[in-house]
Amino acid sequence: MRSLQQDGLSALALAIAALLAGCGTPGAPQPPSLNLPDRVADLAATRAGDRVSLTWTMPKKNTDKLLLKDDVTVHICRQEEHSPCAPGTDIHIAPGAAATFADSLPRSETEGAPRVLTYFVELKNRNGRSAGLSNGGVVIAGLAPAPVTGLTAEVRKAGIVLRWQPSKENEAVRLHRTLLTPPPAKTQQGLLAQEPEPVEQNLLVEAGADSGHVPDRALDKNIRFGETYAYRAQRVVRVVANGQTLELAGELSAPMRVEALDVFPPAVPTGLAAVAIAGENGGETAIDLSWQPDTEDDLAGYIVYRRQGDGTWQRISPAQPVVGPAFHDVQVQRGNTYRYAVTAIDQGGHESARSAEAEEGVPGP
């Protein structure tokens, strides 16, 4: 027979075992969090002159997925080619912030041939430990191209022609265009409405690597008459590194203001032909004119002129421009010969030169 004392001890042992097997059982002890900030993965770098601008996004959490509360120490360094990352600057930035930093290059990095220069940022905890370097932000070290000089602009019917003094080096030129005319408060609606024009646009004028061509001019075709623009130019050296095309740009030139006024007449009409119609049995006598249509957007129509022999040209079309590329002249007489010419006129009232003449005679009675 078991004693009451043995039965009590057995029951206590079972209760303890059940308690340890329950959901409240503590697991294996966990190491304390090191509070290491996550690595930066979106570092970007751009160089202009002797300054490099860095941008990146600060993480909000550490490597344990816990929110960071205090400002984070950021260590910035730069590395040339395969050399070690040179000691740089330490700054403090809040978690989740859009971070920026401007680095002034030492003289050694702004001289010599173009070469790769890589920036890294490293986020550290209070004990100086980090989860590793960021991705590399790559720029080109070396002597920057000389500034563009002698920038001029001329408005033509085909666009704005920009010229500058050519360089002795085989360098490309980037033109930065800014729209100065404020956009309308309300944009037009409908199928024929124009898309708003971008405020900022760039045009890269490539150098001829094979031909040795050094660019000294460009035509900006993507303008709209009636708008005002500002142009700035800079020389650019382009280098391919690790399959990526990088640029080393010189200083931007002073802005040049250009008002794109449309003072240009339409193209001269072509293909003018005249055919006489001799009315029979009391029918109408006339001369029919036709020509190739003009396709310019701001065309208002055409004006028809006539003369006899070497006489003075006289307008015979109505006060309003002729809309289509044809005209029916009934003010003719049998037995006479007439000479015709046509001009095109735009909505601004600019008239083209006269077309080549077409001569036609009306048969006599």
Protein backbone atom coordinates (compact mmCIF):
# COMPACT_ATOMS: atom_id res chain seq x y z
CA MET A 1 0.00 0.00 0.00
CA ARG A 2 1.30 3.45 -0.98
CA SER A 3 1.44 5.93 1.78
CA LEU A 4 -0.36 9.24 1.69
CA GLN A 5 3.00 11.00 1.62
CA GLN A 6 4.06 9.16 -1.57
CA ASP A 7 0.79 9.94 -3.28
CA GLY A 8 1.18 13.64 -2.45
CA LEU A 9 4.69 13.80 -3.87
CA SER A 10 3.55 12.13 -7.09
CA ALA A 11 0.73 14.61 -7.55
CA LEU A 12 3.09 17.54 -6.98
CA ALA A 13 5.53 16.18 -9.54
CA LEU A 14 2.72 15.84 -12.13
CA ALA A 15 1.53 19.37 -11.50
CA ILE A 16 5.03 20.78 -11.96
CA ALA A 17 5.48 18.81 -15.19
CA ALA A 18 2.15 20.09 -16.54
CA LEU A 19 3.10 23.67 -15.68
CA LEU A 20 6.45 23.40 -17.48
CA ALA A 21 4.79 21.92 -20.56
CA GLY A 22 2.24 24.76 -20.79
CA CYS A 23 2.21 27.82 -23.06
CA GLY A 24 3.92 29.93 -20.45
CA THR A 25 7.18 27.99 -20.66
CA PRO A 26 10.11 30.40 -21.32
CA GLY A 27 12.19 29.57 -24.41
CA ALA A 28 15.91 29.61 -24.83
CA PRO A 29 17.48 32.92 -23.77
CA GLN A 30 17.87 35.44 -26.70
CA PRO A 31 20.95 37.64 -27.26
CA PRO A 32 20.34 41.36 -26.65
CA SER A 33 19.67 43.59 -29.73
CA LEU A 34 22.75 45.36 -31.08
CA ASN A 35 20.49 48.12 -32.44
CA LEU A 36 22.33 48.14 -35.77
CA PRO A 37 20.67 50.46 -38.30
CA ASP A 38 19.73 48.83 -41.63
CA ARG A 39 22.14 49.41 -44.51
CA VAL A 40 21.46 52.22 -46.99
CA ALA A 41 20.61 50.82 -50.42
CA ASP A 42 19.73 53.92 -52.51
CA LEU A 43 22.82 56.14 -52.30
CA ALA A 44 23.19 58.39 -55.38
CA ALA A 45 26.03 60.76 -56.23
CA THR A 46 26.41 63.59 -58.76
CA ARG A 47 29.36 65.86 -59.40
CA ALA A 48 29.34 69.48 -60.60
CA GLY A 49 32.69 71.26 -60.64
CA ASP A 50 34.60 70.39 -57.46
CA ARG A 51 31.51 69.45 -55.43
CA VAL A 52 29.78 66.09 -55.14
CA SER A 53 26.15 65.91 -53.97
CA LEU A 54 25.00 62.74 -52.17
CA THR A 55 21.39 61.73 -51.55
CA TRP A 56 19.95 58.69 -49.76
CA THR A 57 17.08 57.57 -47.55
CA MET A 58 17.71 56.89 -43.87
CA PRO A 59 16.22 53.60 -42.58
CA LYS A 60 13.45 53.68 -40.01
CA LYS A 61 14.32 50.34 -38.39
CA ASN A 62 17.33 48.42 -37.21
CA THR A 63 18.38 44.95 -38.32
CA ASP A 64 16.05 43.46 -35.67
CA LYS A 65 13.07 45.22 -37.34
CA LEU A 66 12.68 47.54 -34.37
CA LEU A 67 12.05 51.26 -34.85
CA LEU A 68 15.05 53.53 -34.45
CA LYS A 69 14.38 56.32 -31.99
CA ASP A 70 17.45 58.55 -31.93
CA ASP A 71 19.54 60.28 -34.60
CA VAL A 72 21.93 57.89 -36.34
CA THR A 73 25.65 58.45 -36.84
CA VAL A 74 26.48 58.42 -40.55
CA HIS A 75 30.06 57.90 -41.68
CA ILE A 76 30.84 59.04 -45.25
CA CYS A 77 33.91 57.97 -47.19
CA ARG A 78 35.13 57.98 -50.79
CA GLN A 79 37.21 55.41 -52.65
CA GLU A 80 39.28 55.90 -55.80
CA GLU A 81 39.60 52.88 -58.07
CA HIS A 82 40.84 49.93 -55.93
CA SER A 83 42.25 51.99 -53.05
CA PRO A 84 40.86 51.75 -49.50
CA CYS A 85 37.92 53.99 -48.64
CA ALA A 86 39.52 57.21 -47.40
CA PRO A 87 38.38 58.38 -43.94
CA GLY A 88 35.61 60.91 -44.32
CA THR A 89 33.02 62.82 -42.35
CA ASP A 90 30.62 61.81 -39.58
CA ILE A 91 27.20 63.44 -39.42
CA HIS A 92 23.99 62.71 -37.48
CA ILE A 93 20.62 62.31 -39.22
CA ALA A 94 17.17 61.32 -38.01
CA PRO A 95 15.72 57.89 -38.93
CA GLY A 96 13.57 57.90 -42.10
CA ALA A 97 14.88 61.27 -43.28
CA ALA A 98 15.70 62.13 -46.91
CA ALA A 99 19.41 62.70 -46.38
CA THR A 100 21.75 64.94 -48.38
CA PHE A 101 25.43 65.78 -48.12
CA ALA A 102 27.76 67.94 -50.22
CA ASP A 103 31.43 67.00 -50.41
CA SER A 104 34.11 69.41 -51.60
CA LEU A 105 36.71 67.43 -53.50
CA PRO A 106 40.37 67.92 -52.63
CA ARG A 107 42.69 69.16 -55.34
CA SER A 108 44.07 65.66 -55.91
CA GLU A 109 40.59 64.50 -57.02
CA THR A 110 39.99 67.42 -59.39
CA GLU A 111 43.16 66.99 -61.45
CA GLY A 112 44.42 64.44 -63.92
CA ALA A 113 42.64 62.03 -66.26
CA PRO A 114 39.03 60.95 -65.65
CA ARG A 115 38.72 58.01 -63.23
CA VAL A 116 36.10 56.35 -61.07
CA LEU A 117 35.41 57.70 -57.58
CA THR A 118 32.96 55.80 -55.37
CA TYR A 119 31.19 57.09 -52.25
CA PHE A 120 29.80 54.97 -49.41
CA VAL A 121 27.79 55.75 -46.29
CA GLU A 122 27.92 53.58 -43.18
CA LEU A 123 25.36 53.84 -40.37
CA LYS A 124 26.66 53.11 -36.88
CA ASN A 125 25.11 52.40 -33.49
CA ARG A 126 26.22 54.00 -30.23
CA ASN A 127 29.08 51.55 -29.92
CA GLY A 128 30.43 52.36 -33.39
CA ARG A 129 29.25 49.09 -34.94
CA SER A 130 27.45 48.93 -38.29
CA ALA A 131 25.58 46.49 -40.53
CA GLY A 132 27.92 47.30 -43.42
CA LEU A 133 28.60 49.81 -46.16
CA SER A 134 25.86 51.17 -48.41
CA ASN A 135 25.70 50.67 -52.13
CA GLY A 136 28.30 52.72 -54.01
CA GLY A 137 27.49 56.17 -55.37
CA VAL A 138 29.78 56.60 -58.37
CA VAL A 139 31.11 59.81 -59.94
CA ILE A 140 34.13 60.67 -62.09
CA ALA A 141 37.22 62.24 -60.54
CA GLY A 142 39.75 64.22 -62.54
CA LEU A 143 39.98 67.56 -64.28
CA ALA A 144 36.51 68.86 -65.14
CA PRO A 145 35.91 70.27 -68.64
CA ALA A 146 36.36 73.99 -69.18
CA PRO A 147 33.24 76.19 -69.04
CA VAL A 148 31.32 76.88 -72.25
CA THR A 149 31.98 80.39 -73.59
CA GLY A 150 30.48 82.50 -76.35
CA LEU A 151 26.96 81.07 -76.06
CA THR A 152 24.57 82.75 -78.53
CA ALA A 153 21.05 82.00 -79.74
CA GLU A 154 19.13 82.78 -82.93
CA VAL A 155 15.43 82.14 -83.48
CA ARG A 156 14.63 80.53 -86.82
CA LYS A 157 11.56 79.00 -88.35
CA ALA A 158 12.90 75.49 -87.69
CA GLY A 159 13.71 76.23 -84.03
CA ILE A 160 16.37 77.97 -81.92
CA VAL A 161 19.97 77.71 -83.13
CA LEU A 162 22.53 77.82 -80.31
CA ARG A 163 26.25 78.36 -80.94
CA TRP A 164 29.32 78.43 -78.69
CA GLN A 165 33.07 78.48 -78.87
CA PRO A 166 34.33 74.97 -79.71
CA SER A 167 36.66 73.17 -77.33
CA LYS A 168 40.07 71.77 -78.20
CA GLU A 169 39.00 68.53 -76.58
CA ASN A 170 36.54 65.99 -77.96
CA GLU A 171 33.81 66.76 -75.43
CA ALA A 172 30.04 66.65 -75.58
CA VAL A 173 27.92 69.66 -74.61
CA ARG A 174 24.71 69.49 -72.58
CA LEU A 175 22.19 72.27 -73.01
CA HIS A 176 19.79 72.91 -70.12
CA ARG A 177 16.57 74.64 -71.18
CA THR A 178 14.11 76.23 -68.74
CA LEU A 179 10.64 77.45 -69.72
CA LEU A 180 10.26 80.95 -68.30
CA THR A 181 6.73 81.63 -69.56
CA PRO A 182 4.25 80.73 -66.81
CA PRO A 183 1.80 77.99 -67.84
CA PRO A 184 -1.86 78.99 -68.23
CA ALA A 185 -4.06 78.73 -65.16
CA LYS A 186 -6.40 76.38 -67.01
CA THR A 187 -5.23 73.98 -69.69
CA GLN A 188 -7.22 73.53 -72.88
CA GLN A 189 -9.51 70.56 -73.15
CA GLY A 190 -10.37 68.40 -76.15
CA LEU A 191 -8.63 66.32 -78.78
CA LEU A 192 -6.72 69.28 -80.28
CA ALA A 193 -5.43 70.59 -76.94
CA GLN A 194 -1.63 70.69 -76.62
CA GLU A 195 0.13 68.87 -73.83
CA PRO A 196 1.73 71.20 -71.26
CA GLU A 197 5.33 71.93 -72.11
CA PRO A 198 7.93 70.61 -69.62
CA VAL A 199 9.52 73.34 -67.54
CA GLU A 200 12.96 71.69 -67.69
CA GLN A 201 14.47 69.91 -70.71
CA ASN A 202 17.99 68.81 -71.65
CA LEU A 203 19.67 68.39 -75.01
CA LEU A 204 22.97 66.47 -75.28
CA VAL A 205 25.15 67.37 -78.28
CA GLU A 206 27.48 64.41 -78.77
CA ALA A 207 31.07 64.73 -79.88
CA GLY A 208 32.15 62.65 -82.86
CA ALA A 209 34.39 60.00 -81.30
CA ASP A 210 35.41 58.55 -84.66
CA SER A 211 35.40 61.65 -86.82
CA GLY A 212 36.98 63.92 -84.22
CA HIS A 213 34.07 66.35 -84.66
CA VAL A 214 33.97 68.97 -81.91
CA PRO A 215 30.41 70.30 -81.49
CA ASP A 216 29.93 74.07 -81.67
CA ARG A 217 26.19 74.41 -82.41
CA ALA A 218 22.80 72.76 -81.98
CA LEU A 219 19.23 73.22 -83.19
CA ASP A 220 16.47 72.97 -80.61
CA LYS A 221 13.45 71.93 -82.68
CA ASN A 222 11.17 71.29 -79.71
CA ILE A 223 10.15 74.88 -79.06
CA ARG A 224 6.82 76.65 -79.19
CA PHE A 225 6.60 80.10 -80.67
CA GLY A 226 5.32 82.68 -78.21
CA GLU A 227 7.23 81.12 -75.30
CA THR A 228 10.34 82.44 -73.53
CA TYR A 229 13.24 80.16 -72.60
CA ALA A 230 16.54 80.32 -70.73
CA TYR A 231 19.48 78.22 -71.93
CA ARG A 232 22.60 77.20 -70.00
CA ALA A 233 25.41 75.03 -71.36
CA GLN A 234 28.15 72.84 -69.91
CA ARG A 235 30.82 70.61 -71.39
CA VAL A 236 30.61 66.93 -70.52
CA VAL A 237 33.15 64.08 -70.53
CA ARG A 238 31.46 60.66 -70.72
CA VAL A 239 33.19 57.57 -69.32
CA VAL A 240 31.99 53.94 -69.34
CA ALA A 241 32.71 52.15 -66.04
CA ASN A 242 31.35 48.73 -65.07
CA GLY A 243 28.93 48.83 -67.98
CA GLN A 244 27.53 52.19 -66.87
CA THR A 245 28.02 55.52 -68.67
CA LEU A 246 29.15 58.20 -66.22
CA GLU A 247 29.58 61.90 -66.81
CA LEU A 248 32.07 64.49 -65.63
CA ALA A 249 30.46 67.88 -66.24
CA GLY A 250 31.99 71.34 -66.23
CA GLU A 251 30.44 74.48 -64.83
CA LEU A 252 27.15 75.74 -66.20
CA SER A 253 27.32 78.88 -68.30
CA ALA A 254 25.36 82.00 -67.42
CA PRO A 255 21.72 81.72 -68.55
CA MET A 256 20.72 83.14 -71.94
CA ARG A 257 17.16 84.38 -72.28
CA VAL A 258 15.48 83.74 -75.64
CA GLU A 259 12.02 84.96 -76.66
CA ALA A 260 10.73 82.68 -79.42
CA LEU A 261 8.74 85.14 -81.53
CA ASP A 262 7.14 83.81 -84.71
CA VAL A 263 8.06 86.43 -87.33
CA PHE A 264 8.49 83.90 -90.10
CA PRO A 265 6.12 83.63 -93.08
CA PRO A 266 4.86 80.27 -94.28
CA ALA A 267 6.63 78.36 -97.01
CA VAL A 268 6.14 79.55 -100.59
CA PRO A 269 3.37 77.56 -102.32
CA THR A 270 4.51 75.19 -105.05
CA GLY A 271 2.98 73.34 -107.98
CA LEU A 272 0.77 76.19 -109.24
CA ALA A 273 -1.16 75.19 -112.38
CA ALA A 274 -3.73 77.13 -114.45
CA VAL A 275 -6.34 75.61 -116.77
CA ALA A 276 -8.70 77.69 -118.94
CA ILE A 277 -12.36 76.80 -119.28
CA ALA A 278 -13.90 78.22 -122.45
CA GLY A 279 -17.63 78.39 -122.04
CA GLU A 280 -19.52 76.89 -124.95
CA ASN A 281 -23.06 77.85 -125.87
CA GLY A 282 -23.20 80.63 -123.35
CA GLY A 283 -21.33 78.72 -120.62
CA GLU A 284 -18.97 80.34 -118.13
CA THR A 285 -15.47 81.30 -119.21
CA ALA A 286 -12.93 80.99 -116.40
CA ILE A 287 -9.45 79.88 -115.39
CA ASP A 288 -9.08 77.27 -112.65
CA LEU A 289 -5.99 77.44 -110.43
CA SER A 290 -4.61 74.71 -108.15
CA TRP A 291 -1.42 74.20 -106.14
CA GLN A 292 0.16 71.99 -103.49
CA PRO A 293 -1.31 72.55 -100.01
CA ASP A 294 0.78 74.01 -97.20
CA THR A 295 0.86 71.86 -94.04
CA GLU A 296 2.06 74.39 -91.45
CA ASP A 297 0.06 74.50 -88.22
CA ASP A 298 -0.55 78.26 -88.16
CA LEU A 299 -1.57 78.60 -91.81
CA ALA A 300 -4.50 81.00 -92.33
CA GLY A 301 -4.82 80.47 -96.10
CA TYR A 302 -3.67 81.76 -99.47
CA ILE A 303 -3.74 84.98 -101.53
CA VAL A 304 -4.04 84.86 -105.33
CA TYR A 305 -2.43 87.46 -107.60
CA ARG A 306 -2.83 88.11 -111.33
CA ARG A 307 -1.31 90.30 -114.01
CA GLN A 308 -1.27 90.64 -117.78
CA GLY A 309 2.08 90.74 -119.56
CA ASP A 310 4.60 92.59 -117.45
CA GLY A 311 1.95 94.64 -115.70
CA THR A 312 1.51 95.16 -111.99
CA TRP A 313 0.45 92.28 -109.79
CA GLN A 314 -3.05 92.69 -108.41
CA ARG A 315 -4.78 90.69 -105.71
CA ILE A 316 -7.87 88.98 -107.12
CA SER A 317 -8.81 86.75 -104.18
CA PRO A 318 -11.21 88.04 -101.45
CA ALA A 319 -10.11 89.99 -98.38
CA GLN A 320 -10.24 86.79 -96.34
CA PRO A 321 -7.52 84.27 -97.29
CA VAL A 322 -8.52 81.40 -99.57
CA VAL A 323 -8.80 78.33 -97.34
CA GLY A 324 -8.12 75.51 -99.83
CA PRO A 325 -5.35 75.14 -102.45
CA ALA A 326 -7.59 76.13 -105.40
CA PHE A 327 -9.17 79.24 -106.94
CA HIS A 328 -11.76 79.81 -109.68
CA ASP A 329 -11.11 83.06 -111.63
CA VAL A 330 -14.17 84.16 -113.63
CA GLN A 331 -12.97 87.72 -114.23
CA VAL A 332 -11.30 86.84 -117.54
CA GLN A 333 -12.01 87.66 -121.16
CA ARG A 334 -11.66 85.57 -124.27
CA GLY A 335 -8.52 86.09 -126.28
CA ASN A 336 -6.47 87.33 -123.29
CA THR A 337 -3.52 85.70 -121.54
CA TYR A 338 -3.02 85.96 -117.77
CA ARG A 339 -0.21 85.28 -115.36
CA TYR A 340 -0.90 84.01 -111.81
CA ALA A 341 1.03 83.67 -108.56
CA VAL A 342 0.00 82.54 -105.08
CA THR A 343 1.27 83.37 -101.57
CA ALA A 344 0.61 81.73 -98.20
CA ILE A 345 -0.27 83.73 -95.09
CA ASP A 346 -0.26 82.62 -91.45
CA GLN A 347 -2.51 83.58 -88.57
CA GLY A 348 -0.07 86.27 -87.50
CA GLY A 349 -0.39 88.03 -90.84
CA HIS A 350 3.03 87.01 -92.16
CA GLU A 351 2.87 86.48 -95.92
CA SER A 352 5.25 84.37 -97.96
CA ALA A 353 6.91 85.37 -101.20
CA ARG A 354 4.97 84.74 -104.40
CA SER A 355 5.08 81.33 -105.97
CA ALA A 356 6.45 80.59 -109.40
CA GLU A 357 4.13 81.99 -112.09
CA ALA A 358 1.60 80.04 -114.07
CA GLU A 359 0.44 81.45 -117.41
CA GLU A 360 -2.78 80.61 -119.21
CA GLY A 361 -4.70 82.08 -122.11
CA VAL A 362 -8.43 82.08 -122.76
CA PRO A 363 -9.35 80.99 -126.29
CA GLY A 364 -10.87 83.68 -128.46
CA PRO A 365 -14.43 83.71 -129.75
